[in-house]
Amino acid sequence: MVQKPWGAGSLSVPLCLLGVLFSCNLPGGFCLGDAIFSLAGLSAWSAGSSGLHYPPYAAILLFVPAAVLGWRFSSHRLAGWGKWVSTLILAFLALSLLFWVL
């Protein structure tokens, strides 16, 4: 059995996981993205405490490199998982933003 090497494509998984942590509520109501936004003095919501939640869209800054690294270095270990998960999340974020705008 030939094992794939670790490399730049392997970074797609931690970037993807960090993007998910940045954009989702954890048990107890904690959202890493909300905490970072409030540390920067910004609101995480477009209308106070409702409307568009910005952290998932800011997490695009993590999902895009994850997808690029996964697709570019697909021969590396875990790159396949990272590229598909990040690509699917990007597609869902694009669709949700499109429906929110319309």
PDB file of N, CA and C in Angstrom:
ATOM      1  N   MET A   1       0.830  -1.181   0.000  1.00  0.00           N
ATOM      2  CA  MET A   1       0.000   0.000   0.000  1.00  0.00           C
ATOM      3  C   MET A   1       0.872   1.241   0.000  1.00  0.00           C
ATOM      4  N   VAL A   2       0.685   2.076  -0.996  1.00  0.00           N
ATOM      5  CA  VAL A   2       1.456   3.311  -1.114  1.00  0.00           C
ATOM      6  C   VAL A   2       0.714   4.421  -0.376  1.00  0.00           C
ATOM      7  N   GLN A   3       1.405   5.065   0.542  1.00  0.00           N
ATOM      8  CA  GLN A   3       0.795   6.152   1.291  1.00  0.00           C
ATOM      9  C   GLN A   3       1.151   7.479   0.652  1.00  0.00           C
ATOM     10  N   LYS A   4       0.201   8.381   0.671  1.00  0.00           N
ATOM     11  CA  LYS A   4       0.433   9.713   0.126  1.00  0.00           C
ATOM     12  C   LYS A   4       1.328  10.495   1.082  1.00  0.00           C
ATOM     13  N   PRO A   5       2.146  11.394   0.559  1.00  0.00           N
ATOM     14  CA  PRO A   5       3.015  12.192   1.430  1.00  0.00           C
ATOM     15  C   PRO A   5       2.246  13.365   2.058  1.00  0.00           C
ATOM     16  N   TRP A   6       2.768  13.831   3.177  1.00  0.00           N
ATOM     17  CA  TRP A   6       2.257  15.056   3.770  1.00  0.00           C
ATOM     18  C   TRP A   6       2.827  16.211   2.970  1.00  0.00           C
ATOM     19  N   GLY A   7       2.072  17.267   2.811  1.00  0.00           N
ATOM     20  CA  GLY A   7       2.565  18.416   2.067  1.00  0.00           C
ATOM     21  C   GLY A   7       1.606  19.591   2.174  1.00  0.00           C
ATOM     22  N   ALA A   8       1.752  20.517   1.259  1.00  0.00           N
ATOM     23  CA  ALA A   8       0.927  21.732   1.281  1.00  0.00           C
ATOM     24  C   ALA A   8      -0.556  21.405   1.158  1.00  0.00           C
ATOM     25  N   GLY A   9      -0.906  20.381   0.406  1.00  0.00           N
ATOM     26  CA  GLY A   9      -2.305  19.992   0.264  1.00  0.00           C
ATOM     27  C   GLY A   9      -2.913  19.518   1.567  1.00  0.00           C
ATOM     28  N   SER A  10      -2.085  19.024   2.462  1.00  0.00           N
ATOM     29  CA  SER A  10      -2.558  18.563   3.767  1.00  0.00           C
ATOM     30  C   SER A  10      -3.047  19.723   4.630  1.00  0.00           C
ATOM     31  N   LEU A  11      -2.608  20.935   4.312  1.00  0.00           N
ATOM     32  CA  LEU A  11      -3.052  22.109   5.068  1.00  0.00           C
ATOM     33  C   LEU A  11      -4.505  22.472   4.774  1.00  0.00           C
ATOM     34  N   SER A  12      -5.083  21.894   3.734  1.00  0.00           N
ATOM     35  CA  SER A  12      -6.471  22.205   3.411  1.00  0.00           C
ATOM     36  C   SER A  12      -7.413  21.761   4.528  1.00  0.00           C
ATOM     37  N   VAL A  13      -7.093  20.690   5.216  1.00  0.00           N
ATOM     38  CA  VAL A  13      -7.956  20.195   6.292  1.00  0.00           C
ATOM     39  C   VAL A  13      -7.952  21.150   7.495  1.00  0.00           C
ATOM     40  N   PRO A  14      -6.792  21.552   8.042  1.00  0.00           N
ATOM     41  CA  PRO A  14      -6.849  22.482   9.176  1.00  0.00           C
ATOM     42  C   PRO A  14      -7.463  23.828   8.809  1.00  0.00           C
ATOM     43  N   LEU A  15      -7.220  24.311   7.588  1.00  0.00           N
ATOM     44  CA  LEU A  15      -7.840  25.568   7.172  1.00  0.00           C
ATOM     45  C   LEU A  15      -9.357  25.439   7.101  1.00  0.00           C
ATOM     46  N   CYS A  16      -9.811  24.326   6.588  1.00  0.00           N
ATOM     47  CA  CYS A  16     -11.252  24.068   6.498  1.00  0.00           C
ATOM     48  C   CYS A  16     -11.867  23.964   7.890  1.00  0.00           C
ATOM     49  N   LEU A  17     -11.238  23.241   8.783  1.00  0.00           N
ATOM     50  CA  LEU A  17     -11.749  23.108  10.148  1.00  0.00           C
ATOM     51  C   LEU A  17     -11.763  24.441  10.880  1.00  0.00           C
ATOM     52  N   LEU A  18     -10.735  25.252  10.679  1.00  0.00           N
ATOM     53  CA  LEU A  18     -10.696  26.571  11.288  1.00  0.00           C
ATOM     54  C   LEU A  18     -11.812  27.458  10.724  1.00  0.00           C
ATOM     55  N   GLY A  19     -12.080  27.335   9.441  1.00  0.00           N
ATOM     56  CA  GLY A  19     -13.188  28.079   8.847  1.00  0.00           C
ATOM     57  C   GLY A  19     -14.525  27.670   9.413  1.00  0.00           C
ATOM     58  N   VAL A  20     -14.710  26.380   9.655  1.00  0.00           N
ATOM     59  CA  VAL A  20     -15.961  25.900  10.260  1.00  0.00           C
ATOM     60  C   VAL A  20     -16.077  26.424  11.691  1.00  0.00           C
ATOM     61  N   LEU A  21     -14.997  26.365  12.462  1.00  0.00           N
ATOM     62  CA  LEU A  21     -15.019  26.889  13.830  1.00  0.00           C
ATOM     63  C   LEU A  21     -15.293  28.385  13.846  1.00  0.00           C
ATOM     64  N   PHE A  22     -14.789  29.089  12.852  1.00  0.00           N
ATOM     65  CA  PHE A  22     -14.960  30.535  12.771  1.00  0.00           C
ATOM     66  C   PHE A  22     -16.408  30.906  12.472  1.00  0.00           C
ATOM     67  N   SER A  23     -17.127  30.023  11.765  1.00  0.00           N
ATOM     68  CA  SER A  23     -18.441  30.407  11.270  1.00  0.00           C
ATOM     69  C   SER A  23     -19.616  29.731  11.952  1.00  0.00           C
ATOM     70  N   CYS A  24     -19.390  28.779  12.833  1.00  0.00           N
ATOM     71  CA  CYS A  24     -20.495  28.032  13.456  1.00  0.00           C
ATOM     72  C   CYS A  24     -20.570  28.291  14.950  1.00  0.00           C
ATOM     73  N   ASN A  25     -21.773  28.148  15.479  1.00  0.00           N
ATOM     74  CA  ASN A  25     -21.967  28.221  16.929  1.00  0.00           C
ATOM     75  C   ASN A  25     -21.603  26.880  17.549  1.00  0.00           C
ATOM     76  N   LEU A  26     -20.778  26.929  18.566  1.00  0.00           N
ATOM     77  CA  LEU A  26     -20.397  25.739  19.306  1.00  0.00           C
ATOM     78  C   LEU A  26     -21.393  25.527  20.446  1.00  0.00           C
ATOM     79  N   PRO A  27     -21.404  24.357  21.071  1.00  0.00           N
ATOM     80  CA  PRO A  27     -22.295  24.166  22.220  1.00  0.00           C
ATOM     81  C   PRO A  27     -22.050  25.243  23.275  1.00  0.00           C
ATOM     82  N   GLY A  28     -23.119  25.758  23.829  1.00  0.00           N
ATOM     83  CA  GLY A  28     -23.008  26.854  24.786  1.00  0.00           C
ATOM     84  C   GLY A  28     -23.188  28.203  24.119  1.00  0.00           C
ATOM     85  N   GLY A  29     -23.380  28.212  22.796  1.00  0.00           N
ATOM     86  CA  GLY A  29     -23.630  29.459  22.076  1.00  0.00           C
ATOM     87  C   GLY A  29     -22.383  30.242  21.697  1.00  0.00           C
ATOM     88  N   PHE A  30     -21.196  29.675  21.893  1.00  0.00           N
ATOM     89  CA  PHE A  30     -19.966  30.397  21.553  1.00  0.00           C
ATOM     90  C   PHE A  30     -19.683  30.300  20.062  1.00  0.00           C
ATOM     91  N   CYS A  31     -19.372  31.422  19.456  1.00  0.00           N
ATOM     92  CA  CYS A  31     -18.969  31.470  18.054  1.00  0.00           C
ATOM     93  C   CYS A  31     -17.632  32.199  17.974  1.00  0.00           C
ATOM     94  N   LEU A  32     -16.625  31.515  17.492  1.00  0.00           N
ATOM     95  CA  LEU A  32     -15.286  32.107  17.400  1.00  0.00           C
ATOM     96  C   LEU A  32     -15.309  33.358  16.529  1.00  0.00           C
ATOM     97  N   GLY A  33     -16.058  33.328  15.437  1.00  0.00           N
ATOM     98  CA  GLY A  33     -16.156  34.493  14.555  1.00  0.00           C
ATOM     99  C   GLY A  33     -16.772  35.692  15.254  1.00  0.00           C
ATOM    100  N   ASP A  34     -17.823  35.460  16.051  1.00  0.00           N
ATOM    101  CA  ASP A  34     -18.445  36.549  16.809  1.00  0.00           C
ATOM    102  C   ASP A  34     -17.449  37.163  17.784  1.00  0.00           C
ATOM    103  N   ALA A  35     -16.680  36.317  18.451  1.00  0.00           N
ATOM    104  CA  ALA A  35     -15.695  36.805  19.424  1.00  0.00           C
ATOM    105  C   ALA A  35     -14.624  37.644  18.740  1.00  0.00           C
ATOM    106  N   ILE A  36     -14.166  37.204  17.577  1.00  0.00           N
ATOM    107  CA  ILE A  36     -13.131  37.959  16.860  1.00  0.00           C
ATOM    108  C   ILE A  36     -13.693  39.280  16.339  1.00  0.00           C
ATOM    109  N   PHE A  37     -14.926  39.249  15.845  1.00  0.00           N
ATOM    110  CA  PHE A  37     -15.549  40.489  15.383  1.00  0.00           C
ATOM    111  C   PHE A  37     -15.704  41.480  16.528  1.00  0.00           C
ATOM    112  N   SER A  38     -16.154  41.004  17.701  1.00  0.00           N
ATOM    113  CA  SER A  38     -16.325  41.936  18.812  1.00  0.00           C
ATOM    114  C   SER A  38     -14.984  42.427  19.352  1.00  0.00           C
ATOM    115  N   LEU A  39     -13.935  41.608  19.283  1.00  0.00           N
ATOM    116  CA  LEU A  39     -12.603  42.088  19.673  1.00  0.00           C
ATOM    117  C   LEU A  39     -12.125  43.208  18.748  1.00  0.00           C
ATOM    118  N   ALA A  40     -12.543  43.128  17.476  1.00  0.00           N
ATOM    119  CA  ALA A  40     -12.185  44.168  16.505  1.00  0.00           C
ATOM    120  C   ALA A  40     -13.121  45.367  16.578  1.00  0.00           C
ATOM    121  N   GLY A  41     -14.148  45.283  17.440  1.00  0.00           N
ATOM    122  CA  GLY A  41     -15.086  46.391  17.586  1.00  0.00           C
ATOM    123  C   GLY A  41     -16.141  46.438  16.494  1.00  0.00           C
ATOM    124  N   LEU A  42     -16.393  45.297  15.854  1.00  0.00           N
ATOM    125  CA  LEU A  42     -17.372  45.230  14.770  1.00  0.00           C
ATOM    126  C   LEU A  42     -18.562  44.389  15.193  1.00  0.00           C
ATOM    127  N   SER A  43     -19.708  44.649  14.571  1.00  0.00           N
ATOM    128  CA  SER A  43     -20.886  43.830  14.813  1.00  0.00           C
ATOM    129  C   SER A  43     -20.824  42.609  13.906  1.00  0.00           C
ATOM    130  N   ALA A  44     -21.198  41.460  14.431  1.00  0.00           N
ATOM    131  CA  ALA A  44     -21.176  40.224  13.639  1.00  0.00           C
ATOM    132  C   ALA A  44     -22.453  40.052  12.831  1.00  0.00           C
ATOM    133  N   TRP A  45     -23.429  40.934  13.043  1.00  0.00           N
ATOM    134  CA  TRP A  45     -24.713  40.856  12.352  1.00  0.00           C
ATOM    135  C   TRP A  45     -24.966  42.153  11.593  1.00  0.00           C
ATOM    136  N   SER A  46     -25.682  42.059  10.487  1.00  0.00           N
ATOM    137  CA  SER A  46     -25.941  43.245   9.670  1.00  0.00           C
ATOM    138  C   SER A  46     -26.971  44.177  10.292  1.00  0.00           C
ATOM    139  N   ALA A  47     -27.875  43.656  11.138  1.00  0.00           N
ATOM    140  CA  ALA A  47     -28.916  44.489  11.738  1.00  0.00           C
ATOM    141  C   ALA A  47     -28.923  44.312  13.255  1.00  0.00           C
ATOM    142  N   GLY A  48     -27.828  44.611  13.889  1.00  0.00           N
ATOM    143  CA  GLY A  48     -27.741  44.483  15.341  1.00  0.00           C
ATOM    144  C   GLY A  48     -27.553  43.047  15.777  1.00  0.00           C
ATOM    145  N   SER A  49     -28.656  42.366  16.114  1.00  0.00           N
ATOM    146  CA  SER A  49     -28.567  40.966  16.520  1.00  0.00           C
ATOM    147  C   SER A  49     -29.349  40.058  15.576  1.00  0.00           C
ATOM    148  N   SER A  50     -29.625  40.540  14.391  1.00  0.00           N
ATOM    149  CA  SER A  50     -30.313  39.736  13.377  1.00  0.00           C
ATOM    150  C   SER A  50     -29.811  40.153  12.000  1.00  0.00           C
ATOM    151  N   GLY A  51     -30.357  39.545  10.977  1.00  0.00           N
ATOM    152  CA  GLY A  51     -29.929  39.861   9.615  1.00  0.00           C
ATOM    153  C   GLY A  51     -28.876  38.891   9.133  1.00  0.00           C
ATOM    154  N   LEU A  52     -27.966  39.377   8.328  1.00  0.00           N
ATOM    155  CA  LEU A  52     -26.899  38.557   7.774  1.00  0.00           C
ATOM    156  C   LEU A  52     -25.784  38.395   8.809  1.00  0.00           C
ATOM    157  N   HIS A  53     -25.389  37.152   9.039  1.00  0.00           N
ATOM    158  CA  HIS A  53     -24.318  36.853   9.990  1.00  0.00           C
ATOM    159  C   HIS A  53     -23.004  36.880   9.214  1.00  0.00           C
ATOM    160  N   TYR A  54     -22.136  37.839   9.516  1.00  0.00           N
ATOM    161  CA  TYR A  54     -20.925  38.054   8.740  1.00  0.00           C
ATOM    162  C   TYR A  54     -19.832  36.992   8.883  1.00  0.00           C
ATOM    163  N   PRO A  55     -19.617  36.382  10.056  1.00  0.00           N
ATOM    164  CA  PRO A  55     -18.496  35.440  10.191  1.00  0.00           C
ATOM    165  C   PRO A  55     -18.442  34.312   9.165  1.00  0.00           C
ATOM    166  N   PRO A  56     -19.567  33.703   8.758  1.00  0.00           N
ATOM    167  CA  PRO A  56     -19.431  32.662   7.730  1.00  0.00           C
ATOM    168  C   PRO A  56     -18.854  33.192   6.421  1.00  0.00           C
ATOM    169  N   TYR A  57     -19.163  34.442   6.111  1.00  0.00           N
ATOM    170  CA  TYR A  57     -18.644  35.010   4.871  1.00  0.00           C
ATOM    171  C   TYR A  57     -17.202  35.482   5.038  1.00  0.00           C
ATOM    172  N   ALA A  58     -16.825  35.862   6.255  1.00  0.00           N
ATOM    173  CA  ALA A  58     -15.422  36.165   6.522  1.00  0.00           C
ATOM    174  C   ALA A  58     -14.590  34.882   6.511  1.00  0.00           C
ATOM    175  N   ALA A  59     -15.218  33.749   6.825  1.00  0.00           N
ATOM    176  CA  ALA A  59     -14.523  32.464   6.806  1.00  0.00           C
ATOM    177  C   ALA A  59     -14.152  32.043   5.390  1.00  0.00           C
ATOM    178  N   ILE A  60     -14.708  32.733   4.406  1.00  0.00           N
ATOM    179  CA  ILE A  60     -14.315  32.473   3.016  1.00  0.00           C
ATOM    180  C   ILE A  60     -12.806  32.661   2.858  1.00  0.00           C
ATOM    181  N   LEU A  61     -12.235  33.574   3.666  1.00  0.00           N
ATOM    182  CA  LEU A  61     -10.785  33.796   3.634  1.00  0.00           C
ATOM    183  C   LEU A  61     -10.013  32.558   4.082  1.00  0.00           C
ATOM    184  N   LEU A  62     -10.682  31.614   4.714  1.00  0.00           N
ATOM    185  CA  LEU A  62     -10.057  30.343   5.083  1.00  0.00           C
ATOM    186  C   LEU A  62     -10.449  29.225   4.130  1.00  0.00           C
ATOM    187  N   PHE A  63     -11.697  29.243   3.650  1.00  0.00           N
ATOM    188  CA  PHE A  63     -12.177  28.172   2.773  1.00  0.00           C
ATOM    189  C   PHE A  63     -11.562  28.235   1.372  1.00  0.00           C
ATOM    190  N   VAL A  64     -11.344  29.436   0.854  1.00  0.00           N
ATOM    191  CA  VAL A  64     -10.767  29.547  -0.500  1.00  0.00           C
ATOM    192  C   VAL A  64      -9.353  28.972  -0.543  1.00  0.00           C
ATOM    193  N   PRO A  65      -8.446  29.369   0.371  1.00  0.00           N
ATOM    194  CA  PRO A  65      -7.122  28.739   0.336  1.00  0.00           C
ATOM    195  C   PRO A  65      -7.171  27.230   0.584  1.00  0.00           C
ATOM    196  N   ALA A  66      -8.115  26.786   1.419  1.00  0.00           N
ATOM    197  CA  ALA A  66      -8.248  25.349   1.663  1.00  0.00           C
ATOM    198  C   ALA A  66      -8.610  24.623   0.374  1.00  0.00           C
ATOM    199  N   ALA A  67      -9.549  25.185  -0.377  1.00  0.00           N
ATOM    200  CA  ALA A  67      -9.948  24.566  -1.642  1.00  0.00           C
ATOM    201  C   ALA A  67      -8.815  24.611  -2.663  1.00  0.00           C
ATOM    202  N   VAL A  68      -8.144  25.750  -2.758  1.00  0.00           N
ATOM    203  CA  VAL A  68      -7.047  25.887  -3.725  1.00  0.00           C
ATOM    204  C   VAL A  68      -5.925  24.914  -3.410  1.00  0.00           C
ATOM    205  N   LEU A  69      -5.524  24.838  -2.139  1.00  0.00           N
ATOM    206  CA  LEU A  69      -4.456  23.906  -1.757  1.00  0.00           C
ATOM    207  C   LEU A  69      -4.878  22.461  -1.986  1.00  0.00           C
ATOM    208  N   GLY A  70      -6.127  22.148  -1.674  1.00  0.00           N
ATOM    209  CA  GLY A  70      -6.613  20.787  -1.870  1.00  0.00           C
ATOM    210  C   GLY A  70      -6.641  20.381  -3.329  1.00  0.00           C
ATOM    211  N   TRP A  71      -7.100  21.296  -4.187  1.00  0.00           N
ATOM    212  CA  TRP A  71      -7.160  20.974  -5.621  1.00  0.00           C
ATOM    213  C   TRP A  71      -5.773  20.982  -6.254  1.00  0.00           C
ATOM    214  N   ARG A  72      -4.942  21.937  -5.855  1.00  0.00           N
ATOM    215  CA  ARG A  72      -3.616  22.070  -6.463  1.00  0.00           C
ATOM    216  C   ARG A  72      -2.693  20.912  -6.072  1.00  0.00           C
ATOM    217  N   PHE A  73      -2.759  20.490  -4.823  1.00  0.00           N
ATOM    218  CA  PHE A  73      -1.885  19.431  -4.320  1.00  0.00           C
ATOM    219  C   PHE A  73      -2.715  18.215  -3.918  1.00  0.00           C
ATOM    220  N   SER A  74      -3.540  17.734  -4.815  1.00  0.00           N
ATOM    221  CA  SER A  74      -4.461  16.645  -4.493  1.00  0.00           C
ATOM    222  C   SER A  74      -3.752  15.317  -4.239  1.00  0.00           C
ATOM    223  N   SER A  75      -2.479  15.218  -4.559  1.00  0.00           N
ATOM    224  CA  SER A  75      -1.747  13.975  -4.307  1.00  0.00           C
ATOM    225  C   SER A  75      -1.229  13.888  -2.872  1.00  0.00           C
ATOM    226  N   HIS A  76      -1.447  14.931  -2.067  1.00  0.00           N
ATOM    227  CA  HIS A  76      -0.990  14.913  -0.682  1.00  0.00           C
ATOM    228  C   HIS A  76      -2.056  14.302   0.225  1.00  0.00           C
ATOM    229  N   ARG A  77      -1.616  13.814   1.357  1.00  0.00           N
ATOM    230  CA  ARG A  77      -2.495  13.166   2.328  1.00  0.00           C
ATOM    231  C   ARG A  77      -3.540  14.165   2.839  1.00  0.00           C
ATOM    232  N   LEU A  78      -4.778  13.740   2.910  1.00  0.00           N
ATOM    233  CA  LEU A  78      -5.936  14.494   3.400  1.00  0.00           C
ATOM    234  C   LEU A  78      -6.384  15.624   2.470  1.00  0.00           C
ATOM    235  N   ALA A  79      -5.677  15.856   1.379  1.00  0.00           N
ATOM    236  CA  ALA A  79      -6.033  16.950   0.485  1.00  0.00           C
ATOM    237  C   ALA A  79      -7.394  16.712  -0.163  1.00  0.00           C
ATOM    238  N   GLY A  80      -7.717  15.479  -0.456  1.00  0.00           N
ATOM    239  CA  GLY A  80      -9.005  15.171  -1.072  1.00  0.00           C
ATOM    240  C   GLY A  80     -10.165  15.547  -0.177  1.00  0.00           C
ATOM    241  N   TRP A  81     -10.057  15.229   1.100  1.00  0.00           N
ATOM    242  CA  TRP A  81     -11.100  15.575   2.046  1.00  0.00           C
ATOM    243  C   TRP A  81     -11.243  17.091   2.145  1.00  0.00           C
ATOM    244  N   GLY A  82     -10.122  17.778   2.290  1.00  0.00           N
ATOM    245  CA  GLY A  82     -10.144  19.236   2.435  1.00  0.00           C
ATOM    246  C   GLY A  82     -10.697  19.944   1.224  1.00  0.00           C
ATOM    247  N   LYS A  83     -10.344  19.464   0.028  1.00  0.00           N
ATOM    248  CA  LYS A  83     -10.810  20.151  -1.176  1.00  0.00           C
ATOM    249  C   LYS A  83     -12.314  19.998  -1.354  1.00  0.00           C
ATOM    250  N   TRP A  84     -12.863  18.808  -1.082  1.00  0.00           N
ATOM    251  CA  TRP A  84     -14.295  18.611  -1.290  1.00  0.00           C
ATOM    252  C   TRP A  84     -15.128  19.309  -0.232  1.00  0.00           C
ATOM    253  N   VAL A  85     -14.718  19.230   1.010  1.00  0.00           N
ATOM    254  CA  VAL A  85     -15.486  19.878   2.068  1.00  0.00           C
ATOM    255  C   VAL A  85     -15.466  21.392   1.888  1.00  0.00           C
ATOM    256  N   SER A  86     -14.305  21.967   1.640  1.00  0.00           N
ATOM    257  CA  SER A  86     -14.230  23.420   1.478  1.00  0.00           C
ATOM    258  C   SER A  86     -14.959  23.878   0.217  1.00  0.00           C
ATOM    259  N   THR A  87     -14.907  23.098  -0.862  1.00  0.00           N
ATOM    260  CA  THR A  87     -15.622  23.466  -2.083  1.00  0.00           C
ATOM    261  C   THR A  87     -17.132  23.422  -1.857  1.00  0.00           C
ATOM    262  N   LEU A  88     -17.619  22.407  -1.156  1.00  0.00           N
ATOM    263  CA  LEU A  88     -19.053  22.333  -0.853  1.00  0.00           C
ATOM    264  C   LEU A  88     -19.502  23.478   0.047  1.00  0.00           C
ATOM    265  N   ILE A  89     -18.716  23.794   1.048  1.00  0.00           N
ATOM    266  CA  ILE A  89     -19.069  24.901   1.940  1.00  0.00           C
ATOM    267  C   ILE A  89     -19.084  26.213   1.167  1.00  0.00           C
ATOM    268  N   LEU A  90     -18.111  26.430   0.294  1.00  0.00           N
ATOM    269  CA  LEU A  90     -18.103  27.647  -0.523  1.00  0.00           C
ATOM    270  C   LEU A  90     -19.336  27.724  -1.416  1.00  0.00           C
ATOM    271  N   ALA A  91     -19.748  26.597  -1.987  1.00  0.00           N
ATOM    272  CA  ALA A  91     -20.946  26.581  -2.832  1.00  0.00           C
ATOM    273  C   ALA A  91     -22.187  26.918  -2.009  1.00  0.00           C
ATOM    274  N   PHE A  92     -22.309  26.345  -0.814  1.00  0.00           N
ATOM    275  CA  PHE A  92     -23.462  26.647   0.038  1.00  0.00           C
ATOM    276  C   PHE A  92     -23.462  28.107   0.484  1.00  0.00           C
ATOM    277  N   LEU A  93     -22.294  28.652   0.805  1.00  0.00           N
ATOM    278  CA  LEU A  93     -22.222  30.061   1.193  1.00  0.00           C
ATOM    279  C   LEU A  93     -22.604  30.967   0.025  1.00  0.00           C
ATOM    280  N   ALA A  94     -22.155  30.627  -1.170  1.00  0.00           N
ATOM    281  CA  ALA A  94     -22.504  31.426  -2.348  1.00  0.00           C
ATOM    282  C   ALA A  94     -24.008  31.379  -2.606  1.00  0.00           C
ATOM    283  N   LEU A  95     -24.611  30.197  -2.488  1.00  0.00           N
ATOM    284  CA  LEU A  95     -26.054  30.077  -2.684  1.00  0.00           C
ATOM    285  C   LEU A  95     -26.840  30.838  -1.619  1.00  0.00           C
ATOM    286  N   SER A  96     -26.410  30.742  -0.371  1.00  0.00           N
ATOM    287  CA  SER A  96     -27.132  31.446   0.688  1.00  0.00           C
ATOM    288  C   SER A  96     -27.020  32.955   0.526  1.00  0.00           C
ATOM    289  N   LEU A  97     -25.866  33.435   0.112  1.00  0.00           N
ATOM    290  CA  LEU A  97     -25.712  34.866  -0.131  1.00  0.00           C
ATOM    291  C   LEU A  97     -26.567  35.310  -1.305  1.00  0.00           C
ATOM    292  N   LEU A  98     -26.638  34.484  -2.340  1.00  0.00           N
ATOM    293  CA  LEU A  98     -27.471  34.788  -3.500  1.00  0.00           C
ATOM    294  C   LEU A  98     -28.939  34.875  -3.104  1.00  0.00           C
ATOM    295  N   PHE A  99     -29.421  33.922  -2.303  1.00  0.00           N
ATOM    296  CA  PHE A  99     -30.819  33.958  -1.870  1.00  0.00           C
ATOM    297  C   PHE A  99     -31.084  35.096  -0.910  1.00  0.00           C
ATOM    298  N   TRP A 100     -30.104  35.506  -0.117  1.00  0.00           N
ATOM    299  CA  TRP A 100     -30.285  36.621   0.797  1.00  0.00           C
ATOM    300  C   TRP A 100     -30.387  37.925   0.013  1.00  0.00           C
ATOM    301  N   VAL A 101     -29.597  38.054  -1.050  1.00  0.00           N
ATOM    302  CA  VAL A 101     -29.615  39.262  -1.871  1.00  0.00           C
ATOM    303  C   VAL A 101     -30.905  39.367  -2.665  1.00  0.00           C
ATOM    304  N   LEU A 102     -31.384  38.227  -3.167  1.00  0.00           N
ATOM    305  CA  LEU A 102     -32.613  38.251  -3.953  1.00  0.00           C
ATOM    306  C   LEU A 102     -33.770  38.394  -3.032  1.00  0.00           C
TER     307      LEU A 102
END
